[in-house]
Amino acid sequence: MKLVIAIIQDRDSGKLLESLVDEGFKATKLASTGGFLKSGNTTVLIGVEDHQVDDVVGIIKQTCKSREKMVTTMSPLGGSVESYVPYPVEVIVGGATIFVIDVEKFERV
């Protein structure tokens, strides 16, 4: 058995959970926060049999697409804040970070 952990953008969470349920997978949704943009993410936990990992990863890849977003730069750490002028920068957000972990034991109570 495997545990698939997918960290995705909040914007994709509803569609991903719906797609997983439609294909017969159960998932747990956790709220999380990204370290770089300090914005909301969703962490999805999906327990699957070994042969189902590719199917789940495929659903995640199909559902969670990356896109460009304009963000205002953060103030410099340790630098002079008085001379800092924030300006918008285009960054890539979305997509998914996926971990697949072996599960030693699973129980449903």
N, C-alpha and C. Protein backbone atom coordinates (compact mmCIF):
# COMPACT_ATOMS: atom_id res chain seq x y z
N MET A 1 0.85 -1.18 0.00
CA MET A 1 0.00 0.00 0.00
C MET A 1 0.89 1.24 0.00
N LYS A 2 0.39 2.31 -0.61
CA LYS A 2 1.12 3.58 -0.72
C LYS A 2 0.26 4.72 -0.20
N LEU A 3 0.93 5.77 0.25
CA LEU A 3 0.27 7.02 0.59
C LEU A 3 0.76 8.07 -0.39
N VAL A 4 -0.15 8.62 -1.16
CA VAL A 4 0.18 9.69 -2.10
C VAL A 4 -0.15 11.01 -1.40
N ILE A 5 0.85 11.87 -1.31
CA ILE A 5 0.67 13.20 -0.71
C ILE A 5 0.86 14.21 -1.84
N ALA A 6 -0.18 14.99 -2.09
CA ALA A 6 -0.12 16.00 -3.16
C ALA A 6 -0.35 17.37 -2.55
N ILE A 7 0.60 18.28 -2.76
CA ILE A 7 0.46 19.65 -2.31
C ILE A 7 0.09 20.47 -3.54
N ILE A 8 -1.09 21.06 -3.51
CA ILE A 8 -1.63 21.74 -4.69
C ILE A 8 -2.12 23.13 -4.30
N GLN A 9 -2.40 23.94 -5.29
CA GLN A 9 -2.95 25.28 -5.04
C GLN A 9 -4.42 25.13 -4.68
N ASP A 10 -4.88 25.96 -3.74
CA ASP A 10 -6.29 25.92 -3.30
C ASP A 10 -7.25 25.93 -4.48
N ARG A 11 -6.92 26.70 -5.48
CA ARG A 11 -7.79 26.87 -6.65
C ARG A 11 -8.11 25.53 -7.33
N ASP A 12 -7.20 24.55 -7.23
CA ASP A 12 -7.39 23.26 -7.89
C ASP A 12 -8.01 22.19 -7.00
N SER A 13 -8.19 22.48 -5.72
CA SER A 13 -8.57 21.42 -4.77
C SER A 13 -9.96 20.83 -5.04
N GLY A 14 -10.94 21.67 -5.29
CA GLY A 14 -12.30 21.16 -5.52
C GLY A 14 -12.37 20.23 -6.72
N LYS A 15 -11.76 20.65 -7.81
CA LYS A 15 -11.79 19.84 -9.03
C LYS A 15 -11.03 18.53 -8.84
N LEU A 16 -9.88 18.59 -8.12
CA LEU A 16 -9.11 17.37 -7.90
C LEU A 16 -9.89 16.38 -7.04
N LEU A 17 -10.47 16.85 -5.94
CA LEU A 17 -11.23 15.95 -5.07
C LEU A 17 -12.41 15.33 -5.81
N GLU A 18 -13.08 16.12 -6.62
CA GLU A 18 -14.20 15.61 -7.41
C GLU A 18 -13.72 14.53 -8.39
N SER A 19 -12.60 14.77 -9.05
CA SER A 19 -12.06 13.80 -10.01
C SER A 19 -11.64 12.51 -9.32
N LEU A 20 -11.02 12.63 -8.14
CA LEU A 20 -10.61 11.44 -7.40
C LEU A 20 -11.81 10.60 -6.98
N VAL A 21 -12.84 11.26 -6.45
CA VAL A 21 -14.05 10.55 -6.02
C VAL A 21 -14.74 9.89 -7.21
N ASP A 22 -14.80 10.59 -8.33
CA ASP A 22 -15.42 10.02 -9.54
C ASP A 22 -14.73 8.73 -9.97
N GLU A 23 -13.42 8.62 -9.71
CA GLU A 23 -12.66 7.42 -10.08
C GLU A 23 -12.58 6.40 -8.95
N GLY A 24 -13.31 6.65 -7.84
CA GLY A 24 -13.39 5.68 -6.75
C GLY A 24 -12.31 5.78 -5.69
N PHE A 25 -11.57 6.88 -5.66
CA PHE A 25 -10.52 7.06 -4.65
C PHE A 25 -11.04 7.93 -3.51
N LYS A 26 -10.62 7.58 -2.29
CA LYS A 26 -10.96 8.39 -1.12
C LYS A 26 -9.75 9.26 -0.80
N ALA A 27 -10.02 10.48 -0.36
CA ALA A 27 -8.93 11.41 -0.09
C ALA A 27 -9.26 12.25 1.14
N THR A 28 -8.22 12.71 1.80
CA THR A 28 -8.35 13.62 2.93
C THR A 28 -7.70 14.95 2.54
N LYS A 29 -8.43 16.03 2.77
CA LYS A 29 -7.96 17.37 2.40
C LYS A 29 -7.51 18.11 3.65
N LEU A 30 -6.30 18.67 3.59
CA LEU A 30 -5.76 19.46 4.70
C LEU A 30 -5.39 20.85 4.18
N ALA A 31 -5.70 21.88 4.96
CA ALA A 31 -5.29 23.24 4.60
C ALA A 31 -3.81 23.38 4.94
N SER A 32 -3.06 24.04 4.06
CA SER A 32 -1.64 24.27 4.31
C SER A 32 -1.26 25.62 3.69
N THR A 33 -0.07 26.09 4.03
CA THR A 33 0.39 27.38 3.53
C THR A 33 1.76 27.22 2.90
N GLY A 34 1.94 27.77 1.73
CA GLY A 34 3.23 27.69 1.04
C GLY A 34 4.25 28.63 1.67
N GLY A 35 5.50 28.24 1.62
CA GLY A 35 6.56 29.03 2.21
C GLY A 35 7.02 30.18 1.34
N PHE A 36 6.97 30.03 0.02
CA PHE A 36 7.50 31.06 -0.87
C PHE A 36 6.54 32.23 -1.03
N LEU A 37 5.31 31.96 -1.45
CA LEU A 37 4.34 33.03 -1.67
C LEU A 37 3.47 33.29 -0.45
N LYS A 38 3.60 32.47 0.57
CA LYS A 38 2.81 32.60 1.80
C LYS A 38 1.31 32.57 1.50
N SER A 39 0.94 31.79 0.50
CA SER A 39 -0.46 31.73 0.12
C SER A 39 -1.02 30.35 0.43
N GLY A 40 -2.34 30.25 0.40
CA GLY A 40 -3.02 29.02 0.75
C GLY A 40 -2.78 27.90 -0.24
N ASN A 41 -2.49 26.74 0.30
CA ASN A 41 -2.36 25.51 -0.47
C ASN A 41 -3.31 24.49 0.12
N THR A 42 -3.44 23.40 -0.56
CA THR A 42 -4.17 22.26 -0.04
C THR A 42 -3.26 21.06 -0.12
N THR A 43 -3.20 20.30 0.95
CA THR A 43 -2.46 19.04 0.95
C THR A 43 -3.49 17.93 0.93
N VAL A 44 -3.38 17.05 -0.05
CA VAL A 44 -4.34 15.96 -0.21
C VAL A 44 -3.61 14.64 0.07
N LEU A 45 -4.20 13.83 0.95
CA LEU A 45 -3.67 12.52 1.29
C LEU A 45 -4.56 11.45 0.68
N ILE A 46 -3.95 10.54 -0.08
CA ILE A 46 -4.71 9.50 -0.77
C ILE A 46 -4.02 8.16 -0.53
N GLY A 47 -4.70 7.25 0.14
CA GLY A 47 -4.17 5.91 0.35
C GLY A 47 -4.61 5.01 -0.79
N VAL A 48 -3.65 4.32 -1.44
CA VAL A 48 -3.98 3.48 -2.59
C VAL A 48 -3.14 2.21 -2.58
N GLU A 49 -3.59 1.23 -3.33
CA GLU A 49 -2.80 0.03 -3.55
C GLU A 49 -1.66 0.39 -4.51
N ASP A 50 -0.60 -0.40 -4.47
CA ASP A 50 0.58 -0.11 -5.29
C ASP A 50 0.25 0.09 -6.77
N HIS A 51 -0.62 -0.75 -7.30
CA HIS A 51 -0.93 -0.68 -8.74
C HIS A 51 -1.80 0.53 -9.12
N GLN A 52 -2.32 1.27 -8.12
CA GLN A 52 -3.17 2.43 -8.39
C GLN A 52 -2.41 3.75 -8.37
N VAL A 53 -1.14 3.73 -8.00
CA VAL A 53 -0.37 4.97 -7.86
C VAL A 53 -0.33 5.75 -9.17
N ASP A 54 -0.04 5.09 -10.27
CA ASP A 54 0.04 5.79 -11.56
C ASP A 54 -1.29 6.43 -11.95
N ASP A 55 -2.41 5.76 -11.62
CA ASP A 55 -3.72 6.32 -11.92
C ASP A 55 -3.96 7.61 -11.13
N VAL A 56 -3.62 7.58 -9.84
CA VAL A 56 -3.83 8.76 -8.99
C VAL A 56 -2.91 9.90 -9.43
N VAL A 57 -1.66 9.59 -9.69
CA VAL A 57 -0.72 10.64 -10.14
C VAL A 57 -1.20 11.22 -11.47
N GLY A 58 -1.73 10.40 -12.35
CA GLY A 58 -2.27 10.89 -13.62
C GLY A 58 -3.44 11.84 -13.42
N ILE A 59 -4.33 11.53 -12.49
CA ILE A 59 -5.46 12.42 -12.20
C ILE A 59 -4.95 13.76 -11.66
N ILE A 60 -3.96 13.71 -10.79
CA ILE A 60 -3.39 14.94 -10.23
C ILE A 60 -2.77 15.78 -11.34
N LYS A 61 -1.98 15.14 -12.20
CA LYS A 61 -1.33 15.88 -13.29
C LYS A 61 -2.34 16.49 -14.25
N GLN A 62 -3.42 15.78 -14.51
CA GLN A 62 -4.44 16.26 -15.43
C GLN A 62 -5.23 17.43 -14.83
N THR A 63 -5.40 17.42 -13.52
CA THR A 63 -6.25 18.40 -12.86
C THR A 63 -5.52 19.65 -12.40
N CYS A 64 -4.30 19.50 -11.92
CA CYS A 64 -3.57 20.61 -11.28
C CYS A 64 -2.54 21.18 -12.24
N LYS A 65 -2.91 22.20 -12.94
CA LYS A 65 -2.04 22.82 -13.94
C LYS A 65 -1.33 24.04 -13.37
N SER A 66 -0.12 24.27 -13.82
CA SER A 66 0.59 25.48 -13.41
C SER A 66 0.13 26.65 -14.28
N ARG A 67 0.26 27.86 -13.73
CA ARG A 67 -0.15 29.07 -14.44
C ARG A 67 0.69 30.24 -13.92
N GLU A 68 0.66 31.33 -14.66
CA GLU A 68 1.43 32.51 -14.27
C GLU A 68 0.57 33.43 -13.40
N LYS A 69 1.23 34.06 -12.41
CA LYS A 69 0.52 34.97 -11.52
C LYS A 69 1.44 36.15 -11.22
N MET A 70 0.85 37.34 -11.14
CA MET A 70 1.61 38.53 -10.77
C MET A 70 1.56 38.68 -9.25
N VAL A 71 2.75 38.81 -8.63
CA VAL A 71 2.83 39.02 -7.19
C VAL A 71 3.74 40.21 -6.92
N THR A 72 3.54 40.86 -5.79
CA THR A 72 4.40 41.95 -5.39
C THR A 72 5.57 41.37 -4.61
N THR A 73 6.76 41.82 -4.92
CA THR A 73 7.96 41.30 -4.26
C THR A 73 7.93 41.60 -2.78
N MET A 74 8.55 40.73 -2.01
CA MET A 74 8.64 40.89 -0.56
C MET A 74 9.75 41.88 -0.24
N SER A 75 9.68 42.48 0.94
CA SER A 75 10.75 43.40 1.36
C SER A 75 12.02 42.60 1.64
N PRO A 76 13.18 43.17 1.39
CA PRO A 76 14.43 42.44 1.57
C PRO A 76 14.68 42.13 3.04
N LEU A 77 15.18 40.93 3.31
CA LEU A 77 15.50 40.54 4.67
C LEU A 77 16.82 41.18 5.08
N GLY A 78 16.80 41.88 6.19
CA GLY A 78 18.03 42.48 6.70
C GLY A 78 18.49 43.71 5.95
N GLY A 79 17.78 44.08 4.92
CA GLY A 79 18.18 45.26 4.14
C GLY A 79 17.48 46.50 4.61
N SER A 80 17.77 47.60 3.97
CA SER A 80 17.15 48.87 4.30
C SER A 80 15.75 48.92 3.71
N VAL A 81 14.75 49.00 4.58
CA VAL A 81 13.36 49.03 4.13
C VAL A 81 13.00 50.40 3.56
N GLU A 82 13.65 51.45 4.01
CA GLU A 82 13.33 52.80 3.56
C GLU A 82 13.53 52.97 2.06
N SER A 83 14.55 52.32 1.50
CA SER A 83 14.85 52.49 0.07
C SER A 83 14.22 51.40 -0.79
N TYR A 84 13.48 50.49 -0.18
CA TYR A 84 12.88 49.39 -0.92
C TYR A 84 11.59 49.83 -1.60
N VAL A 85 11.47 49.55 -2.90
CA VAL A 85 10.26 49.86 -3.65
C VAL A 85 9.72 48.55 -4.20
N PRO A 86 8.54 48.10 -3.70
CA PRO A 86 7.98 46.84 -4.21
C PRO A 86 7.52 46.99 -5.66
N TYR A 87 7.66 45.93 -6.42
CA TYR A 87 7.18 45.94 -7.79
C TYR A 87 6.65 44.55 -8.13
N PRO A 88 5.68 44.48 -9.05
CA PRO A 88 5.10 43.18 -9.38
C PRO A 88 6.06 42.32 -10.21
N VAL A 89 6.02 41.03 -9.93
CA VAL A 89 6.84 40.06 -10.63
C VAL A 89 5.94 38.90 -11.04
N GLU A 90 6.18 38.37 -12.23
CA GLU A 90 5.39 37.24 -12.71
C GLU A 90 6.06 35.94 -12.26
N VAL A 91 5.29 35.07 -11.58
CA VAL A 91 5.82 33.78 -11.12
C VAL A 91 4.88 32.67 -11.57
N ILE A 92 5.41 31.46 -11.63
CA ILE A 92 4.61 30.28 -11.96
C ILE A 92 4.04 29.71 -10.67
N VAL A 93 2.73 29.52 -10.61
CA VAL A 93 2.07 28.93 -9.45
C VAL A 93 1.23 27.75 -9.92
N GLY A 94 0.75 26.99 -8.97
CA GLY A 94 -0.10 25.86 -9.30
C GLY A 94 0.70 24.61 -9.56
N GLY A 95 0.10 23.71 -10.30
CA GLY A 95 0.74 22.41 -10.49
C GLY A 95 0.60 21.61 -9.21
N ALA A 96 1.51 20.70 -8.99
CA ALA A 96 1.45 19.87 -7.79
C ALA A 96 2.84 19.39 -7.42
N THR A 97 3.04 19.23 -6.13
CA THR A 97 4.21 18.55 -5.61
C THR A 97 3.69 17.24 -5.04
N ILE A 98 4.21 16.12 -5.54
CA ILE A 98 3.65 14.81 -5.21
C ILE A 98 4.72 13.95 -4.54
N PHE A 99 4.33 13.35 -3.41
CA PHE A 99 5.18 12.39 -2.72
C PHE A 99 4.43 11.06 -2.68
N VAL A 100 5.14 9.96 -2.89
CA VAL A 100 4.56 8.63 -2.77
C VAL A 100 5.38 7.89 -1.72
N ILE A 101 4.69 7.46 -0.66
CA ILE A 101 5.35 6.87 0.50
C ILE A 101 4.80 5.47 0.74
N ASP A 102 5.70 4.54 1.08
CA ASP A 102 5.27 3.20 1.47
C ASP A 102 4.51 3.27 2.79
N VAL A 103 3.44 2.49 2.90
CA VAL A 103 2.66 2.41 4.13
C VAL A 103 2.89 1.02 4.73
N GLU A 104 3.42 1.00 5.92
CA GLU A 104 3.71 -0.27 6.59
C GLU A 104 2.44 -0.93 7.10
N LYS A 105 1.52 -0.13 7.62
CA LYS A 105 0.29 -0.68 8.19
C LYS A 105 -0.84 0.29 7.95
N PHE A 106 -2.04 -0.26 7.67
CA PHE A 106 -3.23 0.56 7.46
C PHE A 106 -4.39 -0.09 8.19
N GLU A 107 -5.13 0.70 8.96
CA GLU A 107 -6.33 0.21 9.64
C GLU A 107 -7.42 1.24 9.51
N ARG A 108 -8.63 0.75 9.31
CA ARG A 108 -9.80 1.64 9.30
C ARG A 108 -10.67 1.21 10.49
N VAL A 109 -10.90 2.12 11.42
CA VAL A 109 -11.67 1.76 12.63
C VAL A 109 -12.95 2.55 12.71
